[in-house]
Amino acid sequence: MTNTAIRYTLEFKQTLIDLHEKGHSFKELHEEYGPSLDTIRKWVQAATVIAIDHQGTAVTNEQFKQLQKENRRLREELDILKRAAVLLAKR
């Protein structure tokens, strides 16, 4: 028996998120549309607005995690460049 993951479109996910925001329970959405309760919960959590940036744009949990990851990568790059500058200055 093979275990193949079902891929859902962004439109489908957004539809379920919108329905949940309108008051439908996770259980109702699961029974009517099929994805597991945990899957729907994760989609809703990822789409939940956790902050408003200085421009008034909503920032979701998923966007925040992506920004943290990018920030970490950029800090690592900066650290490498600083070390390279020190080595080149010694020459």
PDB file of N, CA and C in Angstrom:
ATOM      1  N   MET A   1       0.841  -1.172   0.000  1.00  0.00           N
ATOM      2  CA  MET A   1       0.000   0.000   0.000  1.00  0.00           C
ATOM      3  C   MET A   1       0.889   1.239   0.000  1.00  0.00           C
ATOM      4  N   THR A   2       0.693   2.117  -0.972  1.00  0.00           N
ATOM      5  CA  THR A   2       1.514   3.315  -1.058  1.00  0.00           C
ATOM      6  C   THR A   2       0.845   4.466  -0.333  1.00  0.00           C
ATOM      7  N   ASN A   3       1.674   5.323   0.204  1.00  0.00           N
ATOM      8  CA  ASN A   3       1.187   6.489   0.925  1.00  0.00           C
ATOM      9  C   ASN A   3       1.551   7.730   0.118  1.00  0.00           C
ATOM     10  N   THR A   4       0.638   8.197  -0.701  1.00  0.00           N
ATOM     11  CA  THR A   4       0.906   9.376  -1.515  1.00  0.00           C
ATOM     12  C   THR A   4       0.206  10.578  -0.909  1.00  0.00           C
ATOM     13  N   ALA A   5       0.937  11.653  -0.790  1.00  0.00           N
ATOM     14  CA  ALA A   5       0.382  12.875  -0.222  1.00  0.00           C
ATOM     15  C   ALA A   5      -0.518  13.557  -1.248  1.00  0.00           C
ATOM     16  N   ILE A   6      -1.632  14.062  -0.775  1.00  0.00           N
ATOM     17  CA  ILE A   6      -2.549  14.793  -1.639  1.00  0.00           C
ATOM     18  C   ILE A   6      -2.112  16.252  -1.652  1.00  0.00           C
ATOM     19  N   ARG A   7      -2.000  16.824  -2.850  1.00  0.00           N
ATOM     20  CA  ARG A   7      -1.646  18.233  -2.996  1.00  0.00           C
ATOM     21  C   ARG A   7      -2.921  19.040  -3.182  1.00  0.00           C
ATOM     22  N   TYR A   8      -3.099  20.047  -2.357  1.00  0.00           N
ATOM     23  CA  TYR A   8      -4.258  20.921  -2.464  1.00  0.00           C
ATOM     24  C   TYR A   8      -3.809  22.253  -3.049  1.00  0.00           C
ATOM     25  N   THR A   9      -4.647  22.858  -3.862  1.00  0.00           N
ATOM     26  CA  THR A   9      -4.307  24.144  -4.468  1.00  0.00           C
ATOM     27  C   THR A   9      -4.398  25.251  -3.420  1.00  0.00           C
ATOM     28  N   LEU A  10      -3.694  26.338  -3.685  1.00  0.00           N
ATOM     29  CA  LEU A  10      -3.761  27.484  -2.781  1.00  0.00           C
ATOM     30  C   LEU A  10      -5.185  28.025  -2.707  1.00  0.00           C
ATOM     31  N   GLU A  11      -5.883  27.985  -3.834  1.00  0.00           N
ATOM     32  CA  GLU A  11      -7.266  28.459  -3.868  1.00  0.00           C
ATOM     33  C   GLU A  11      -8.151  27.620  -2.936  1.00  0.00           C
ATOM     34  N   PHE A  12      -7.974  26.303  -2.965  1.00  0.00           N
ATOM     35  CA  PHE A  12      -8.741  25.402  -2.105  1.00  0.00           C
ATOM     36  C   PHE A  12      -8.434  25.687  -0.636  1.00  0.00           C
ATOM     37  N   LYS A  13      -7.141  25.836  -0.323  1.00  0.00           N
ATOM     38  CA  LYS A  13      -6.744  26.118   1.058  1.00  0.00           C
ATOM     39  C   LYS A  13      -7.364  27.430   1.530  1.00  0.00           C
ATOM     40  N   GLN A  14      -7.283  28.457   0.667  1.00  0.00           N
ATOM     41  CA  GLN A  14      -7.819  29.767   1.036  1.00  0.00           C
ATOM     42  C   GLN A  14      -9.329  29.709   1.239  1.00  0.00           C
ATOM     43  N   THR A  15     -10.007  28.910   0.431  1.00  0.00           N
ATOM     44  CA  THR A  15     -11.451  28.741   0.590  1.00  0.00           C
ATOM     45  C   THR A  15     -11.778  28.179   1.971  1.00  0.00           C
ATOM     46  N   LEU A  16     -11.044  27.154   2.388  1.00  0.00           N
ATOM     47  CA  LEU A  16     -11.291  26.561   3.709  1.00  0.00           C
ATOM     48  C   LEU A  16     -10.937  27.536   4.831  1.00  0.00           C
ATOM     49  N   ILE A  17      -9.865  28.294   4.648  1.00  0.00           N
ATOM     50  CA  ILE A  17      -9.479  29.300   5.647  1.00  0.00           C
ATOM     51  C   ILE A  17     -10.589  30.335   5.779  1.00  0.00           C
ATOM     52  N   ASP A  18     -11.097  30.806   4.638  1.00  0.00           N
ATOM     53  CA  ASP A  18     -12.182  31.794   4.656  1.00  0.00           C
ATOM     54  C   ASP A  18     -13.433  31.239   5.331  1.00  0.00           C
ATOM     55  N   LEU A  19     -13.767  29.990   5.021  1.00  0.00           N
ATOM     56  CA  LEU A  19     -14.939  29.367   5.642  1.00  0.00           C
ATOM     57  C   LEU A  19     -14.766  29.253   7.155  1.00  0.00           C
ATOM     58  N   HIS A  20     -13.548  28.922   7.593  1.00  0.00           N
ATOM     59  CA  HIS A  20     -13.287  28.833   9.035  1.00  0.00           C
ATOM     60  C   HIS A  20     -13.447  30.201   9.681  1.00  0.00           C
ATOM     61  N   GLU A  21     -12.950  31.235   9.011  1.00  0.00           N
ATOM     62  CA  GLU A  21     -13.070  32.588   9.554  1.00  0.00           C
ATOM     63  C   GLU A  21     -14.526  33.039   9.622  1.00  0.00           C
ATOM     64  N   LYS A  22     -15.374  32.460   8.778  1.00  0.00           N
ATOM     65  CA  LYS A  22     -16.804  32.799   8.784  1.00  0.00           C
ATOM     66  C   LYS A  22     -17.584  31.982   9.810  1.00  0.00           C
ATOM     67  N   GLY A  23     -16.888  31.111  10.550  1.00  0.00           N
ATOM     68  CA  GLY A  23     -17.540  30.409  11.641  1.00  0.00           C
ATOM     69  C   GLY A  23     -17.669  28.905  11.505  1.00  0.00           C
ATOM     70  N   HIS A  24     -17.246  28.343  10.391  1.00  0.00           N
ATOM     71  CA  HIS A  24     -17.306  26.888  10.239  1.00  0.00           C
ATOM     72  C   HIS A  24     -16.218  26.246  11.095  1.00  0.00           C
ATOM     73  N   SER A  25     -16.547  25.148  11.741  1.00  0.00           N
ATOM     74  CA  SER A  25     -15.575  24.469  12.601  1.00  0.00           C
ATOM     75  C   SER A  25     -14.619  23.632  11.753  1.00  0.00           C
ATOM     76  N   PHE A  26     -13.498  23.268  12.351  1.00  0.00           N
ATOM     77  CA  PHE A  26     -12.542  22.395  11.665  1.00  0.00           C
ATOM     78  C   PHE A  26     -13.210  21.071  11.306  1.00  0.00           C
ATOM     79  N   LYS A  27     -14.023  20.573  12.229  1.00  0.00           N
ATOM     80  CA  LYS A  27     -14.691  19.292  12.006  1.00  0.00           C
ATOM     81  C   LYS A  27     -15.643  19.370  10.811  1.00  0.00           C
ATOM     82  N   GLU A  28     -16.413  20.445  10.723  1.00  0.00           N
ATOM     83  CA  GLU A  28     -17.330  20.616   9.586  1.00  0.00           C
ATOM     84  C   GLU A  28     -16.564  20.655   8.263  1.00  0.00           C
ATOM     85  N   LEU A  29     -15.473  21.399   8.252  1.00  0.00           N
ATOM     86  CA  LEU A  29     -14.676  21.521   7.026  1.00  0.00           C
ATOM     87  C   LEU A  29     -14.070  20.178   6.640  1.00  0.00           C
ATOM     88  N   HIS A  30     -13.593  19.446   7.642  1.00  0.00           N
ATOM     89  CA  HIS A  30     -13.020  18.122   7.392  1.00  0.00           C
ATOM     90  C   HIS A  30     -14.068  17.190   6.797  1.00  0.00           C
ATOM     91  N   GLU A  31     -15.242  17.160   7.396  1.00  0.00           N
ATOM     92  CA  GLU A  31     -16.288  16.244   6.940  1.00  0.00           C
ATOM     93  C   GLU A  31     -16.790  16.589   5.541  1.00  0.00           C
ATOM     94  N   GLU A  32     -16.844  17.879   5.220  1.00  0.00           N
ATOM     95  CA  GLU A  32     -17.385  18.281   3.925  1.00  0.00           C
ATOM     96  C   GLU A  32     -16.345  18.249   2.804  1.00  0.00           C
ATOM     97  N   TYR A  33     -15.086  18.608   3.118  1.00  0.00           N
ATOM     98  CA  TYR A  33     -14.083  18.770   2.064  1.00  0.00           C
ATOM     99  C   TYR A  33     -12.967  17.728   2.078  1.00  0.00           C
ATOM    100  N   GLY A  34     -12.746  17.036   3.213  1.00  0.00           N
ATOM    101  CA  GLY A  34     -11.808  15.929   3.209  1.00  0.00           C
ATOM    102  C   GLY A  34     -10.477  16.065   3.909  1.00  0.00           C
ATOM    103  N   PRO A  35      -9.792  17.211   3.855  1.00  0.00           N
ATOM    104  CA  PRO A  35      -8.487  17.278   4.532  1.00  0.00           C
ATOM    105  C   PRO A  35      -8.630  17.008   6.029  1.00  0.00           C
ATOM    106  N   SER A  36      -7.566  16.493   6.634  1.00  0.00           N
ATOM    107  CA  SER A  36      -7.617  16.167   8.061  1.00  0.00           C
ATOM    108  C   SER A  36      -7.780  17.431   8.899  1.00  0.00           C
ATOM    109  N   LEU A  37      -8.241  17.228  10.121  1.00  0.00           N
ATOM    110  CA  LEU A  37      -8.411  18.350  11.042  1.00  0.00           C
ATOM    111  C   LEU A  37      -7.095  19.086  11.252  1.00  0.00           C
ATOM    112  N   ASP A  38      -6.007  18.324  11.453  1.00  0.00           N
ATOM    113  CA  ASP A  38      -4.691  18.933  11.676  1.00  0.00           C
ATOM    114  C   ASP A  38      -4.228  19.733  10.467  1.00  0.00           C
ATOM    115  N   THR A  39      -4.490  19.217   9.281  1.00  0.00           N
ATOM    116  CA  THR A  39      -4.088  19.914   8.062  1.00  0.00           C
ATOM    117  C   THR A  39      -4.803  21.256   7.958  1.00  0.00           C
ATOM    118  N   ILE A  40      -6.095  21.256   8.173  1.00  0.00           N
ATOM    119  CA  ILE A  40      -6.867  22.503   8.100  1.00  0.00           C
ATOM    120  C   ILE A  40      -6.404  23.468   9.182  1.00  0.00           C
ATOM    121  N   ARG A  41      -6.153  22.941  10.383  1.00  0.00           N
ATOM    122  CA  ARG A  41      -5.669  23.768  11.490  1.00  0.00           C
ATOM    123  C   ARG A  41      -4.346  24.449  11.126  1.00  0.00           C
ATOM    124  N   LYS A  42      -3.445  23.695  10.491  1.00  0.00           N
ATOM    125  CA  LYS A  42      -2.148  24.250  10.083  1.00  0.00           C
ATOM    126  C   LYS A  42      -2.325  25.353   9.051  1.00  0.00           C
ATOM    127  N   TRP A  43      -3.226  25.143   8.097  1.00  0.00           N
ATOM    128  CA  TRP A  43      -3.477  26.164   7.077  1.00  0.00           C
ATOM    129  C   TRP A  43      -3.995  27.456   7.712  1.00  0.00           C
ATOM    130  N   VAL A  44      -4.928  27.306   8.642  1.00  0.00           N
ATOM    131  CA  VAL A  44      -5.506  28.477   9.303  1.00  0.00           C
ATOM    132  C   VAL A  44      -4.442  29.189  10.134  1.00  0.00           C
ATOM    133  N   GLN A  45      -3.635  28.418  10.852  1.00  0.00           N
ATOM    134  CA  GLN A  45      -2.586  29.015  11.681  1.00  0.00           C
ATOM    135  C   GLN A  45      -1.572  29.762  10.817  1.00  0.00           C
ATOM    136  N   ALA A  46      -1.186  29.179   9.693  1.00  0.00           N
ATOM    137  CA  ALA A  46      -0.209  29.813   8.807  1.00  0.00           C
ATOM    138  C   ALA A  46      -0.753  31.107   8.223  1.00  0.00           C
ATOM    139  N   ALA A  47      -2.052  31.186   8.031  1.00  0.00           N
ATOM    140  CA  ALA A  47      -2.667  32.362   7.421  1.00  0.00           C
ATOM    141  C   ALA A  47      -3.106  33.407   8.443  1.00  0.00           C
ATOM    142  N   THR A  48      -2.969  33.091   9.722  1.00  0.00           N
ATOM    143  CA  THR A  48      -3.412  34.009  10.766  1.00  0.00           C
ATOM    144  C   THR A  48      -2.503  35.228  10.812  1.00  0.00           C
ATOM    145  N   VAL A  49      -3.117  36.399  10.820  1.00  0.00           N
ATOM    146  CA  VAL A  49      -2.361  37.648  10.903  1.00  0.00           C
ATOM    147  C   VAL A  49      -1.828  37.777  12.321  1.00  0.00           C
ATOM    148  N   ILE A  50      -0.498  37.939  12.429  1.00  0.00           N
ATOM    149  CA  ILE A  50       0.099  38.056  13.762  1.00  0.00           C
ATOM    150  C   ILE A  50       0.584  39.468  14.050  1.00  0.00           C
ATOM    151  N   ALA A  51       0.670  40.299  12.999  1.00  0.00           N
ATOM    152  CA  ALA A  51       1.141  41.662  13.195  1.00  0.00           C
ATOM    153  C   ALA A  51       0.775  42.510  11.984  1.00  0.00           C
ATOM    154  N   ILE A  52       0.908  43.797  12.159  1.00  0.00           N
ATOM    155  CA  ILE A  52       0.742  44.753  11.074  1.00  0.00           C
ATOM    156  C   ILE A  52       2.066  45.495  10.968  1.00  0.00           C
ATOM    157  N   ASP A  53       2.665  45.499   9.759  1.00  0.00           N
ATOM    158  CA  ASP A  53       3.959  46.169   9.622  1.00  0.00           C
ATOM    159  C   ASP A  53       3.778  47.687   9.574  1.00  0.00           C
ATOM    160  N   HIS A  54       4.885  48.426   9.488  1.00  0.00           N
ATOM    161  CA  HIS A  54       4.848  49.887   9.541  1.00  0.00           C
ATOM    162  C   HIS A  54       4.100  50.511   8.367  1.00  0.00           C
ATOM    163  N   GLN A  55       3.863  49.752   7.304  1.00  0.00           N
ATOM    164  CA  GLN A  55       3.120  50.254   6.147  1.00  0.00           C
ATOM    165  C   GLN A  55       1.641  49.892   6.235  1.00  0.00           C
ATOM    166  N   GLY A  56       1.246  49.237   7.303  1.00  0.00           N
ATOM    167  CA  GLY A  56      -0.144  48.851   7.480  1.00  0.00           C
ATOM    168  C   GLY A  56      -0.513  47.541   6.820  1.00  0.00           C
ATOM    169  N   THR A  57       0.489  46.780   6.374  1.00  0.00           N
ATOM    170  CA  THR A  57       0.251  45.499   5.719  1.00  0.00           C
ATOM    171  C   THR A  57       0.226  44.383   6.760  1.00  0.00           C
ATOM    172  N   ALA A  58      -0.741  43.493   6.618  1.00  0.00           N
ATOM    173  CA  ALA A  58      -0.850  42.361   7.540  1.00  0.00           C
ATOM    174  C   ALA A  58       0.288  41.378   7.305  1.00  0.00           C
ATOM    175  N   VAL A  59       0.839  40.844   8.384  1.00  0.00           N
ATOM    176  CA  VAL A  59       1.907  39.848   8.310  1.00  0.00           C
ATOM    177  C   VAL A  59       1.371  38.555   8.922  1.00  0.00           C
ATOM    178  N   THR A  60       1.384  37.482   8.127  1.00  0.00           N
ATOM    179  CA  THR A  60       0.896  36.198   8.624  1.00  0.00           C
ATOM    180  C   THR A  60       2.013  35.452   9.336  1.00  0.00           C
ATOM    181  N   ASN A  61       1.636  34.425  10.058  1.00  0.00           N
ATOM    182  CA  ASN A  61       2.598  33.585  10.765  1.00  0.00           C
ATOM    183  C   ASN A  61       3.608  32.987   9.783  1.00  0.00           C
ATOM    184  N   GLU A  62       3.114  32.508   8.638  1.00  0.00           N
ATOM    185  CA  GLU A  62       3.994  31.908   7.635  1.00  0.00           C
ATOM    186  C   GLU A  62       4.978  32.936   7.075  1.00  0.00           C
ATOM    187  N   GLN A  63       4.491  34.147   6.779  1.00  0.00           N
ATOM    188  CA  GLN A  63       5.371  35.197   6.273  1.00  0.00           C
ATOM    189  C   GLN A  63       6.424  35.565   7.312  1.00  0.00           C
ATOM    190  N   PHE A  64       6.024  35.615   8.577  1.00  0.00           N
ATOM    191  CA  PHE A  64       6.953  35.950   9.647  1.00  0.00           C
ATOM    192  C   PHE A  64       8.072  34.923   9.742  1.00  0.00           C
ATOM    193  N   LYS A  65       7.713  33.634   9.645  1.00  0.00           N
ATOM    194  CA  LYS A  65       8.729  32.579   9.692  1.00  0.00           C
ATOM    195  C   LYS A  65       9.684  32.691   8.508  1.00  0.00           C
ATOM    196  N   GLN A  66       9.152  33.015   7.319  1.00  0.00           N
ATOM    197  CA  GLN A  66      10.008  33.177   6.144  1.00  0.00           C
ATOM    198  C   GLN A  66      10.951  34.362   6.325  1.00  0.00           C
ATOM    199  N   LEU A  67      10.444  35.448   6.898  1.00  0.00           N
ATOM    200  CA  LEU A  67      11.285  36.614   7.143  1.00  0.00           C
ATOM    201  C   LEU A  67      12.379  36.306   8.162  1.00  0.00           C
ATOM    202  N   GLN A  68      12.054  35.533   9.185  1.00  0.00           N
ATOM    203  CA  GLN A  68      13.064  35.134  10.166  1.00  0.00           C
ATOM    204  C   GLN A  68      14.159  34.305   9.500  1.00  0.00           C
ATOM    205  N   LYS A  69      13.765  33.383   8.635  1.00  0.00           N
ATOM    206  CA  LYS A  69      14.725  32.527   7.940  1.00  0.00           C
ATOM    207  C   LYS A  69      15.631  33.371   7.042  1.00  0.00           C
ATOM    208  N   GLU A  70      15.034  34.305   6.307  1.00  0.00           N
ATOM    209  CA  GLU A  70      15.827  35.168   5.430  1.00  0.00           C
ATOM    210  C   GLU A  70      16.769  36.050   6.246  1.00  0.00           C
ATOM    211  N   ASN A  71      16.287  36.566   7.363  1.00  0.00           N
ATOM    212  CA  ASN A  71      17.109  37.394   8.235  1.00  0.00           C
ATOM    213  C   ASN A  71      18.308  36.615   8.759  1.00  0.00           C
ATOM    214  N   ARG A  72      18.094  35.374   9.157  1.00  0.00           N
ATOM    215  CA  ARG A  72      19.175  34.513   9.648  1.00  0.00           C
ATOM    216  C   ARG A  72      20.220  34.295   8.550  1.00  0.00           C
ATOM    217  N   ARG A  73      19.743  34.024   7.325  1.00  0.00           N
ATOM    218  CA  ARG A  73      20.646  33.798   6.196  1.00  0.00           C
ATOM    219  C   ARG A  73      21.460  35.062   5.891  1.00  0.00           C
ATOM    220  N   LEU A  74      20.812  36.211   5.909  1.00  0.00           N
ATOM    221  CA  LEU A  74      21.507  37.463   5.621  1.00  0.00           C
ATOM    222  C   LEU A  74      22.539  37.793   6.700  1.00  0.00           C
ATOM    223  N   ARG A  75      22.222  37.489   7.949  1.00  0.00           N
ATOM    224  CA  ARG A  75      23.195  37.714   9.028  1.00  0.00           C
ATOM    225  C   ARG A  75      24.429  36.825   8.856  1.00  0.00           C
ATOM    226  N   GLU A  76      24.195  35.577   8.435  1.00  0.00           N
ATOM    227  CA  GLU A  76      25.318  34.668   8.181  1.00  0.00           C
ATOM    228  C   GLU A  76      26.184  35.191   7.037  1.00  0.00           C
ATOM    229  N   GLU A  77      25.551  35.679   5.975  1.00  0.00           N
ATOM    230  CA  GLU A  77      26.297  36.235   4.847  1.00  0.00           C
ATOM    231  C   GLU A  77      27.104  37.452   5.283  1.00  0.00           C
ATOM    232  N   LEU A  78      26.502  38.307   6.090  1.00  0.00           N
ATOM    233  CA  LEU A  78      27.193  39.492   6.579  1.00  0.00           C
ATOM    234  C   LEU A  78      28.401  39.106   7.418  1.00  0.00           C
ATOM    235  N   ASP A  79      28.246  38.107   8.257  1.00  0.00           N
ATOM    236  CA  ASP A  79      29.349  37.633   9.091  1.00  0.00           C
ATOM    237  C   ASP A  79      30.504  37.125   8.225  1.00  0.00           C
ATOM    238  N   ILE A  80      30.171  36.378   7.179  1.00  0.00           N
ATOM    239  CA  ILE A  80      31.198  35.861   6.260  1.00  0.00           C
ATOM    240  C   ILE A  80      31.913  37.017   5.568  1.00  0.00           C
ATOM    241  N   LEU A  81      31.165  38.011   5.121  1.00  0.00           N
ATOM    242  CA  LEU A  81      31.775  39.163   4.448  1.00  0.00           C
ATOM    243  C   LEU A  81      32.669  39.960   5.396  1.00  0.00           C
ATOM    244  N   LYS A  82      32.261  40.081   6.647  1.00  0.00           N
ATOM    245  CA  LYS A  82      33.093  40.785   7.626  1.00  0.00           C
ATOM    246  C   LYS A  82      34.414  40.054   7.833  1.00  0.00           C
ATOM    247  N   ARG A  83      34.344  38.722   7.943  1.00  0.00           N
ATOM    248  CA  ARG A  83      35.573  37.935   8.108  1.00  0.00           C
ATOM    249  C   ARG A  83      36.473  38.072   6.886  1.00  0.00           C
ATOM    250  N   ALA A  84      35.878  38.060   5.706  1.00  0.00           N
ATOM    251  CA  ALA A  84      36.657  38.200   4.471  1.00  0.00           C
ATOM    252  C   ALA A  84      37.325  39.573   4.420  1.00  0.00           C
ATOM    253  N   ALA A  85      36.625  40.603   4.850  1.00  0.00           N
ATOM    254  CA  ALA A  85      37.189  41.950   4.851  1.00  0.00           C
ATOM    255  C   ALA A  85      38.387  42.036   5.786  1.00  0.00           C
ATOM    256  N   VAL A  86      38.305  41.389   6.938  1.00  0.00           N
ATOM    257  CA  VAL A  86      39.420  41.382   7.890  1.00  0.00           C
ATOM    258  C   VAL A  86      40.624  40.675   7.274  1.00  0.00           C
ATOM    259  N   LEU A  87      40.393  39.537   6.636  1.00  0.00           N
ATOM    260  CA  LEU A  87      41.486  38.793   6.007  1.00  0.00           C
ATOM    261  C   LEU A  87      42.126  39.590   4.875  1.00  0.00           C
ATOM    262  N   LEU A  88      41.317  40.251   4.075  1.00  0.00           N
ATOM    263  CA  LEU A  88      41.853  41.043   2.966  1.00  0.00           C
ATOM    264  C   LEU A  88      42.590  42.283   3.464  1.00  0.00           C
ATOM    265  N   ALA A  89      42.163  42.844   4.571  1.00  0.00           N
ATOM    266  CA  ALA A  89      42.815  44.028   5.125  1.00  0.00           C
ATOM    267  C   ALA A  89      44.200  43.694   5.667  1.00  0.00           C
ATOM    268  N   LYS A  90      44.416  42.446   6.065  1.00  0.00           N
ATOM    269  CA  LYS A  90      45.712  42.035   6.600  1.00  0.00           C
ATOM    270  C   LYS A  90      46.756  41.905   5.506  1.00  0.00           C
ATOM    271  N   ARG A  91      46.337  41.780   4.262  1.00  0.00           N
ATOM    272  CA  ARG A  91      47.287  41.606   3.149  1.00  0.00           C
ATOM    273  C   ARG A  91      47.970  42.866   2.791  1.00  0.00           C
TER     274      ARG A  91
END
